[in-house]
Amino acid sequence: MLKVAIKDFRSEVRAAMDVSHFIKEAQLLLDVDETSVEGVLDRMLSALLDQEPLATIEEAKATLFVKDSGERT
């Protein structure tokens, strides 16, 4: 088993850049009527994918979430 080294993410330059980029690119959805987590997620992905017409919501979900059978080999 390989042990992962502890990092201080407060001093990581890339982390600070990612947060800055996220804040600049964030979208605020005010008219969300969905009440389920899946409905809200679909709405968020729809807003994001308006800028990326080559991907579908189903493809984005498949990339973000994986099904874990719970079995470890």
PDB file of N, CA and C in Angstrom:
ATOM      1  N   MET A   1       0.846  -1.171   0.000  1.00  0.00           N
ATOM      2  CA  MET A   1       0.000   0.000   0.000  1.00  0.00           C
ATOM      3  C   MET A   1       0.891   1.233   0.000  1.00  0.00           C
ATOM      4  N   LEU A   2       0.558   2.198  -0.841  1.00  0.00           N
ATOM      5  CA  LEU A   2       1.331   3.427  -0.963  1.00  0.00           C
ATOM      6  C   LEU A   2       0.685   4.513  -0.125  1.00  0.00           C
ATOM      7  N   LYS A   3       1.465   5.154   0.701  1.00  0.00           N
ATOM      8  CA  LYS A   3       0.942   6.212   1.563  1.00  0.00           C
ATOM      9  C   LYS A   3       1.020   7.557   0.839  1.00  0.00           C
ATOM     10  N   VAL A   4      -0.066   8.323   0.900  1.00  0.00           N
ATOM     11  CA  VAL A   4      -0.123   9.622   0.245  1.00  0.00           C
ATOM     12  C   VAL A   4       0.419  10.683   1.201  1.00  0.00           C
ATOM     13  N   ALA A   5       1.298  11.532   0.690  1.00  0.00           N
ATOM     14  CA  ALA A   5       1.891  12.582   1.516  1.00  0.00           C
ATOM     15  C   ALA A   5       0.852  13.640   1.873  1.00  0.00           C
ATOM     16  N   ILE A   6       0.956  14.181   3.065  1.00  0.00           N
ATOM     17  CA  ILE A   6       0.059  15.240   3.521  1.00  0.00           C
ATOM     18  C   ILE A   6       0.450  16.539   2.828  1.00  0.00           C
ATOM     19  N   LYS A   7      -0.561  17.288   2.361  1.00  0.00           N
ATOM     20  CA  LYS A   7      -0.315  18.558   1.680  1.00  0.00           C
ATOM     21  C   LYS A   7      -1.060  19.677   2.377  1.00  0.00           C
ATOM     22  N   ASP A   8      -0.509  20.860   2.311  1.00  0.00           N
ATOM     23  CA  ASP A   8      -1.171  22.054   2.830  1.00  0.00           C
ATOM     24  C   ASP A   8      -1.778  22.778   1.641  1.00  0.00           C
ATOM     25  N   PHE A   9      -3.079  22.588   1.443  1.00  0.00           N
ATOM     26  CA  PHE A   9      -3.730  23.145   0.258  1.00  0.00           C
ATOM     27  C   PHE A   9      -3.870  24.665   0.318  1.00  0.00           C
ATOM     28  N   ARG A  10      -3.685  25.247   1.490  1.00  0.00           N
ATOM     29  CA  ARG A  10      -3.715  26.713   1.578  1.00  0.00           C
ATOM     30  C   ARG A  10      -2.528  27.328   0.874  1.00  0.00           C
ATOM     31  N   SER A  11      -1.431  26.597   0.779  1.00  0.00           N
ATOM     32  CA  SER A  11      -0.231  27.139   0.131  1.00  0.00           C
ATOM     33  C   SER A  11      -0.092  26.678  -1.318  1.00  0.00           C
ATOM     34  N   GLU A  12      -1.007  25.851  -1.791  1.00  0.00           N
ATOM     35  CA  GLU A  12      -0.956  25.360  -3.163  1.00  0.00           C
ATOM     36  C   GLU A  12      -1.412  26.448  -4.129  1.00  0.00           C
ATOM     37  N   VAL A  13      -0.574  26.798  -5.078  1.00  0.00           N
ATOM     38  CA  VAL A  13      -0.890  27.840  -6.054  1.00  0.00           C
ATOM     39  C   VAL A  13      -2.046  27.405  -6.935  1.00  0.00           C
ATOM     40  N   ARG A  14      -2.040  26.170  -7.382  1.00  0.00           N
ATOM     41  CA  ARG A  14      -3.077  25.679  -8.292  1.00  0.00           C
ATOM     42  C   ARG A  14      -4.455  25.725  -7.626  1.00  0.00           C
ATOM     43  N   ALA A  15      -4.535  25.384  -6.346  1.00  0.00           N
ATOM     44  CA  ALA A  15      -5.815  25.424  -5.639  1.00  0.00           C
ATOM     45  C   ALA A  15      -6.368  26.843  -5.601  1.00  0.00           C
ATOM     46  N   ALA A  16      -5.540  27.816  -5.333  1.00  0.00           N
ATOM     47  CA  ALA A  16      -5.974  29.213  -5.296  1.00  0.00           C
ATOM     48  C   ALA A  16      -6.437  29.663  -6.681  1.00  0.00           C
ATOM     49  N   MET A  17      -5.733  29.229  -7.717  1.00  0.00           N
ATOM     50  CA  MET A  17      -6.127  29.572  -9.085  1.00  0.00           C
ATOM     51  C   MET A  17      -7.476  28.935  -9.431  1.00  0.00           C
ATOM     52  N   ASP A  18      -7.686  27.688  -9.015  1.00  0.00           N
ATOM     53  CA  ASP A  18      -8.945  27.007  -9.293  1.00  0.00           C
ATOM     54  C   ASP A  18     -10.111  27.711  -8.616  1.00  0.00           C
ATOM     55  N   VAL A  19      -9.933  28.135  -7.371  1.00  0.00           N
ATOM     56  CA  VAL A  19     -10.992  28.838  -6.652  1.00  0.00           C
ATOM     57  C   VAL A  19     -11.281  30.174  -7.322  1.00  0.00           C
ATOM     58  N   SER A  20     -10.265  30.900  -7.706  1.00  0.00           N
ATOM     59  CA  SER A  20     -10.454  32.184  -8.398  1.00  0.00           C
ATOM     60  C   SER A  20     -11.213  31.992  -9.702  1.00  0.00           C
ATOM     61  N   HIS A  21     -10.840  30.977 -10.459  1.00  0.00           N
ATOM     62  CA  HIS A  21     -11.527  30.694 -11.722  1.00  0.00           C
ATOM     63  C   HIS A  21     -12.985  30.303 -11.463  1.00  0.00           C
ATOM     64  N   PHE A  22     -13.216  29.475 -10.453  1.00  0.00           N
ATOM     65  CA  PHE A  22     -14.575  29.057 -10.122  1.00  0.00           C
ATOM     66  C   PHE A  22     -15.446  30.262  -9.775  1.00  0.00           C
ATOM     67  N   ILE A  23     -14.923  31.169  -8.984  1.00  0.00           N
ATOM     68  CA  ILE A  23     -15.695  32.349  -8.576  1.00  0.00           C
ATOM     69  C   ILE A  23     -16.032  33.214  -9.785  1.00  0.00           C
ATOM     70  N   LYS A  24     -15.087  33.374 -10.710  1.00  0.00           N
ATOM     71  CA  LYS A  24     -15.334  34.189 -11.903  1.00  0.00           C
ATOM     72  C   LYS A  24     -16.366  33.549 -12.824  1.00  0.00           C
ATOM     73  N   GLU A  25     -16.404  32.220 -12.871  1.00  0.00           N
ATOM     74  CA  GLU A  25     -17.266  31.502 -13.803  1.00  0.00           C
ATOM     75  C   GLU A  25     -18.569  31.003 -13.165  1.00  0.00           C
ATOM     76  N   ALA A  26     -18.788  31.281 -11.893  1.00  0.00           N
ATOM     77  CA  ALA A  26     -19.974  30.769 -11.198  1.00  0.00           C
ATOM     78  C   ALA A  26     -21.256  31.358 -11.785  1.00  0.00           C
ATOM     79  N   GLN A  27     -22.292  30.551 -11.774  1.00  0.00           N
ATOM     80  CA  GLN A  27     -23.604  30.986 -12.245  1.00  0.00           C
ATOM     81  C   GLN A  27     -24.587  30.877 -11.083  1.00  0.00           C
ATOM     82  N   LEU A  28     -25.512  31.797 -11.019  1.00  0.00           N
ATOM     83  CA  LEU A  28     -26.536  31.785  -9.987  1.00  0.00           C
ATOM     84  C   LEU A  28     -27.875  31.520 -10.656  1.00  0.00           C
ATOM     85  N   LEU A  29     -28.508  30.420 -10.273  1.00  0.00           N
ATOM     86  CA  LEU A  29     -29.803  30.057 -10.835  1.00  0.00           C
ATOM     87  C   LEU A  29     -30.879  30.440  -9.825  1.00  0.00           C
ATOM     88  N   LEU A  30     -31.654  31.459 -10.143  1.00  0.00           N
ATOM     89  CA  LEU A  30     -32.654  31.970  -9.207  1.00  0.00           C
ATOM     90  C   LEU A  30     -34.032  31.355  -9.399  1.00  0.00           C
ATOM     91  N   ASP A  31     -34.323  30.864 -10.568  1.00  0.00           N
ATOM     92  CA  ASP A  31     -35.668  30.380 -10.848  1.00  0.00           C
ATOM     93  C   ASP A  31     -35.740  28.854 -10.849  1.00  0.00           C
ATOM     94  N   VAL A  32     -35.188  28.220  -9.831  1.00  0.00           N
ATOM     95  CA  VAL A  32     -35.177  26.767  -9.743  1.00  0.00           C
ATOM     96  C   VAL A  32     -36.389  26.308  -8.949  1.00  0.00           C
ATOM     97  N   ASP A  33     -37.273  25.563  -9.615  1.00  0.00           N
ATOM     98  CA  ASP A  33     -38.472  25.054  -8.957  1.00  0.00           C
ATOM     99  C   ASP A  33     -38.328  23.602  -8.524  1.00  0.00           C
ATOM    100  N   GLU A  34     -37.261  22.964  -8.917  1.00  0.00           N
ATOM    101  CA  GLU A  34     -37.058  21.560  -8.592  1.00  0.00           C
ATOM    102  C   GLU A  34     -36.875  21.379  -7.089  1.00  0.00           C
ATOM    103  N   THR A  35     -37.381  20.275  -6.573  1.00  0.00           N
ATOM    104  CA  THR A  35     -37.270  20.022  -5.134  1.00  0.00           C
ATOM    105  C   THR A  35     -36.421  18.796  -4.825  1.00  0.00           C
ATOM    106  N   SER A  36     -36.079  18.005  -5.836  1.00  0.00           N
ATOM    107  CA  SER A  36     -35.255  16.828  -5.597  1.00  0.00           C
ATOM    108  C   SER A  36     -33.800  17.138  -5.944  1.00  0.00           C
ATOM    109  N   VAL A  37     -32.898  16.391  -5.351  1.00  0.00           N
ATOM    110  CA  VAL A  37     -31.473  16.583  -5.641  1.00  0.00           C
ATOM    111  C   VAL A  37     -31.207  16.310  -7.118  1.00  0.00           C
ATOM    112  N   GLU A  38     -31.818  15.271  -7.657  1.00  0.00           N
ATOM    113  CA  GLU A  38     -31.604  14.944  -9.067  1.00  0.00           C
ATOM    114  C   GLU A  38     -32.148  16.047  -9.974  1.00  0.00           C
ATOM    115  N   GLY A  39     -33.287  16.615  -9.622  1.00  0.00           N
ATOM    116  CA  GLY A  39     -33.846  17.705 -10.417  1.00  0.00           C
ATOM    117  C   GLY A  39     -32.959  18.932 -10.417  1.00  0.00           C
ATOM    118  N   VAL A  40     -32.430  19.275  -9.245  1.00  0.00           N
ATOM    119  CA  VAL A  40     -31.527  20.424  -9.132  1.00  0.00           C
ATOM    120  C   VAL A  40     -30.241  20.153  -9.916  1.00  0.00           C
ATOM    121  N   LEU A  41     -29.719  18.937  -9.800  1.00  0.00           N
ATOM    122  CA  LEU A  41     -28.504  18.570 -10.533  1.00  0.00           C
ATOM    123  C   LEU A  41     -28.738  18.653 -12.039  1.00  0.00           C
ATOM    124  N   ASP A  42     -29.871  18.144 -12.498  1.00  0.00           N
ATOM    125  CA  ASP A  42     -30.181  18.226 -13.928  1.00  0.00           C
ATOM    126  C   ASP A  42     -30.251  19.677 -14.384  1.00  0.00           C
ATOM    127  N   ARG A  43     -30.829  20.522 -13.565  1.00  0.00           N
ATOM    128  CA  ARG A  43     -30.944  21.947 -13.913  1.00  0.00           C
ATOM    129  C   ARG A  43     -29.566  22.601 -13.977  1.00  0.00           C
ATOM    130  N   MET A  44     -28.703  22.275 -13.005  1.00  0.00           N
ATOM    131  CA  MET A  44     -27.349  22.831 -12.999  1.00  0.00           C
ATOM    132  C   MET A  44     -26.563  22.360 -14.218  1.00  0.00           C
ATOM    133  N   LEU A  45     -26.644  21.064 -14.516  1.00  0.00           N
ATOM    134  CA  LEU A  45     -25.921  20.536 -15.670  1.00  0.00           C
ATOM    135  C   LEU A  45     -26.454  21.123 -16.966  1.00  0.00           C
ATOM    136  N   SER A  46     -27.746  21.323 -17.035  1.00  0.00           N
ATOM    137  CA  SER A  46     -28.333  21.935 -18.223  1.00  0.00           C
ATOM    138  C   SER A  46     -27.770  23.338 -18.434  1.00  0.00           C
ATOM    139  N   ALA A  47     -27.656  24.110 -17.357  1.00  0.00           N
ATOM    140  CA  ALA A  47     -27.102  25.461 -17.459  1.00  0.00           C
ATOM    141  C   ALA A  47     -25.631  25.420 -17.878  1.00  0.00           C
ATOM    142  N   LEU A  48     -24.887  24.470 -17.344  1.00  0.00           N
ATOM    143  CA  LEU A  48     -23.470  24.355 -17.702  1.00  0.00           C
ATOM    144  C   LEU A  48     -23.288  23.877 -19.134  1.00  0.00           C
ATOM    145  N   LEU A  49     -24.123  22.935 -19.548  1.00  0.00           N
ATOM    146  CA  LEU A  49     -23.946  22.335 -20.866  1.00  0.00           C
ATOM    147  C   LEU A  49     -24.487  23.194 -21.995  1.00  0.00           C
ATOM    148  N   ASP A  50     -25.153  24.294 -21.673  1.00  0.00           N
ATOM    149  CA  ASP A  50     -25.543  25.239 -22.720  1.00  0.00           C
ATOM    150  C   ASP A  50     -24.297  25.764 -23.432  1.00  0.00           C
ATOM    151  N   GLN A  51     -23.183  25.807 -22.699  1.00  0.00           N
ATOM    152  CA  GLN A  51     -21.922  26.296 -23.259  1.00  0.00           C
ATOM    153  C   GLN A  51     -21.151  25.180 -23.963  1.00  0.00           C
ATOM    154  N   GLU A  52     -21.555  23.927 -23.750  1.00  0.00           N
ATOM    155  CA  GLU A  52     -20.851  22.769 -24.316  1.00  0.00           C
ATOM    156  C   GLU A  52     -21.869  21.850 -24.999  1.00  0.00           C
ATOM    157  N   PRO A  53     -22.280  22.194 -26.215  1.00  0.00           N
ATOM    158  CA  PRO A  53     -23.367  21.450 -26.856  1.00  0.00           C
ATOM    159  C   PRO A  53     -23.018  20.019 -27.259  1.00  0.00           C
ATOM    160  N   LEU A  54     -21.758  19.621 -27.183  1.00  0.00           N
ATOM    161  CA  LEU A  54     -21.380  18.276 -27.598  1.00  0.00           C
ATOM    162  C   LEU A  54     -21.635  17.229 -26.515  1.00  0.00           C
ATOM    163  N   ALA A  55     -21.927  17.650 -25.301  1.00  0.00           N
ATOM    164  CA  ALA A  55     -22.163  16.716 -24.205  1.00  0.00           C
ATOM    165  C   ALA A  55     -23.626  16.745 -23.793  1.00  0.00           C
ATOM    166  N   THR A  56     -24.115  15.592 -23.331  1.00  0.00           N
ATOM    167  CA  THR A  56     -25.486  15.514 -22.845  1.00  0.00           C
ATOM    168  C   THR A  56     -25.478  15.436 -21.319  1.00  0.00           C
ATOM    169  N   ILE A  57     -26.637  15.648 -20.725  1.00  0.00           N
ATOM    170  CA  ILE A  57     -26.751  15.547 -19.271  1.00  0.00           C
ATOM    171  C   ILE A  57     -26.404  14.132 -18.821  1.00  0.00           C
ATOM    172  N   GLU A  58     -26.850  13.134 -19.563  1.00  0.00           N
ATOM    173  CA  GLU A  58     -26.572  11.746 -19.206  1.00  0.00           C
ATOM    174  C   GLU A  58     -25.072  11.453 -19.247  1.00  0.00           C
ATOM    175  N   GLU A  59     -24.366  12.000 -20.252  1.00  0.00           N
ATOM    176  CA  GLU A  59     -22.916  11.808 -20.332  1.00  0.00           C
ATOM    177  C   GLU A  59     -22.212  12.501 -19.174  1.00  0.00           C
ATOM    178  N   ALA A  60     -22.679  13.687 -18.822  1.00  0.00           N
ATOM    179  CA  ALA A  60     -22.074  14.411 -17.704  1.00  0.00           C
ATOM    180  C   ALA A  60     -22.273  13.647 -16.402  1.00  0.00           C
ATOM    181  N   LYS A  61     -23.473  13.116 -16.186  1.00  0.00           N
ATOM    182  CA  LYS A  61     -23.732  12.333 -14.971  1.00  0.00           C
ATOM    183  C   LYS A  61     -22.867  11.081 -14.933  1.00  0.00           C
ATOM    184  N   ALA A  62     -22.709  10.422 -16.075  1.00  0.00           N
ATOM    185  CA  ALA A  62     -21.882   9.216 -16.125  1.00  0.00           C
ATOM    186  C   ALA A  62     -20.429   9.537 -15.806  1.00  0.00           C
ATOM    187  N   THR A  63     -19.986  10.734 -16.150  1.00  0.00           N
ATOM    188  CA  THR A  63     -18.616  11.147 -15.852  1.00  0.00           C
ATOM    189  C   THR A  63     -18.454  11.513 -14.384  1.00  0.00           C
ATOM    190  N   LEU A  64     -19.468  12.184 -13.824  1.00  0.00           N
ATOM    191  CA  LEU A  64     -19.386  12.638 -12.443  1.00  0.00           C
ATOM    192  C   LEU A  64     -19.596  11.522 -11.430  1.00  0.00           C
ATOM    193  N   PHE A  65     -20.493  10.603 -11.743  1.00  0.00           N
ATOM    194  CA  PHE A  65     -20.869   9.571 -10.775  1.00  0.00           C
ATOM    195  C   PHE A  65     -20.586   8.193 -11.349  1.00  0.00           C
ATOM    196  N   VAL A  66     -20.068   7.326 -10.505  1.00  0.00           N
ATOM    197  CA  VAL A  66     -19.835   5.944 -10.898  1.00  0.00           C
ATOM    198  C   VAL A  66     -20.631   5.043  -9.979  1.00  0.00           C
ATOM    199  N   LYS A  67     -21.060   3.924 -10.505  1.00  0.00           N
ATOM    200  CA  LYS A  67     -21.787   2.956  -9.691  1.00  0.00           C
ATOM    201  C   LYS A  67     -20.766   2.057  -9.013  1.00  0.00           C
ATOM    202  N   ASP A  68     -20.832   1.992  -7.713  1.00  0.00           N
ATOM    203  CA  ASP A  68     -19.904   1.170  -6.945  1.00  0.00           C
ATOM    204  C   ASP A  68     -20.674  -0.047  -6.475  1.00  0.00           C
ATOM    205  N   SER A  69     -20.209  -1.205  -6.863  1.00  0.00           N
ATOM    206  CA  SER A  69     -20.899  -2.436  -6.472  1.00  0.00           C
ATOM    207  C   SER A  69     -20.664  -2.770  -5.017  1.00  0.00           C
ATOM    208  N   GLY A  70     -19.671  -2.123  -4.407  1.00  0.00           N
ATOM    209  CA  GLY A  70     -19.349  -2.429  -3.009  1.00  0.00           C
ATOM    210  C   GLY A  70     -18.361  -3.566  -2.862  1.00  0.00           C
ATOM    211  N   GLU A  71     -18.059  -4.234  -3.951  1.00  0.00           N
ATOM    212  CA  GLU A  71     -17.120  -5.350  -3.894  1.00  0.00           C
ATOM    213  C   GLU A  71     -15.701  -4.858  -4.123  1.00  0.00           C
ATOM    214  N   ARG A  72     -14.809  -5.316  -3.324  1.00  0.00           N
ATOM    215  CA  ARG A  72     -13.388  -4.965  -3.466  1.00  0.00           C
ATOM    216  C   ARG A  72     -12.634  -6.222  -3.852  1.00  0.00           C
ATOM    217  N   THR A  73     -11.814  -6.101  -4.878  1.00  0.00           N
ATOM    218  CA  THR A  73     -11.051  -7.275  -5.304  1.00  0.00           C
ATOM    219  C   THR A  73      -9.594  -7.090  -5.050  1.00  0.00           C
TER     220      THR A  73
END
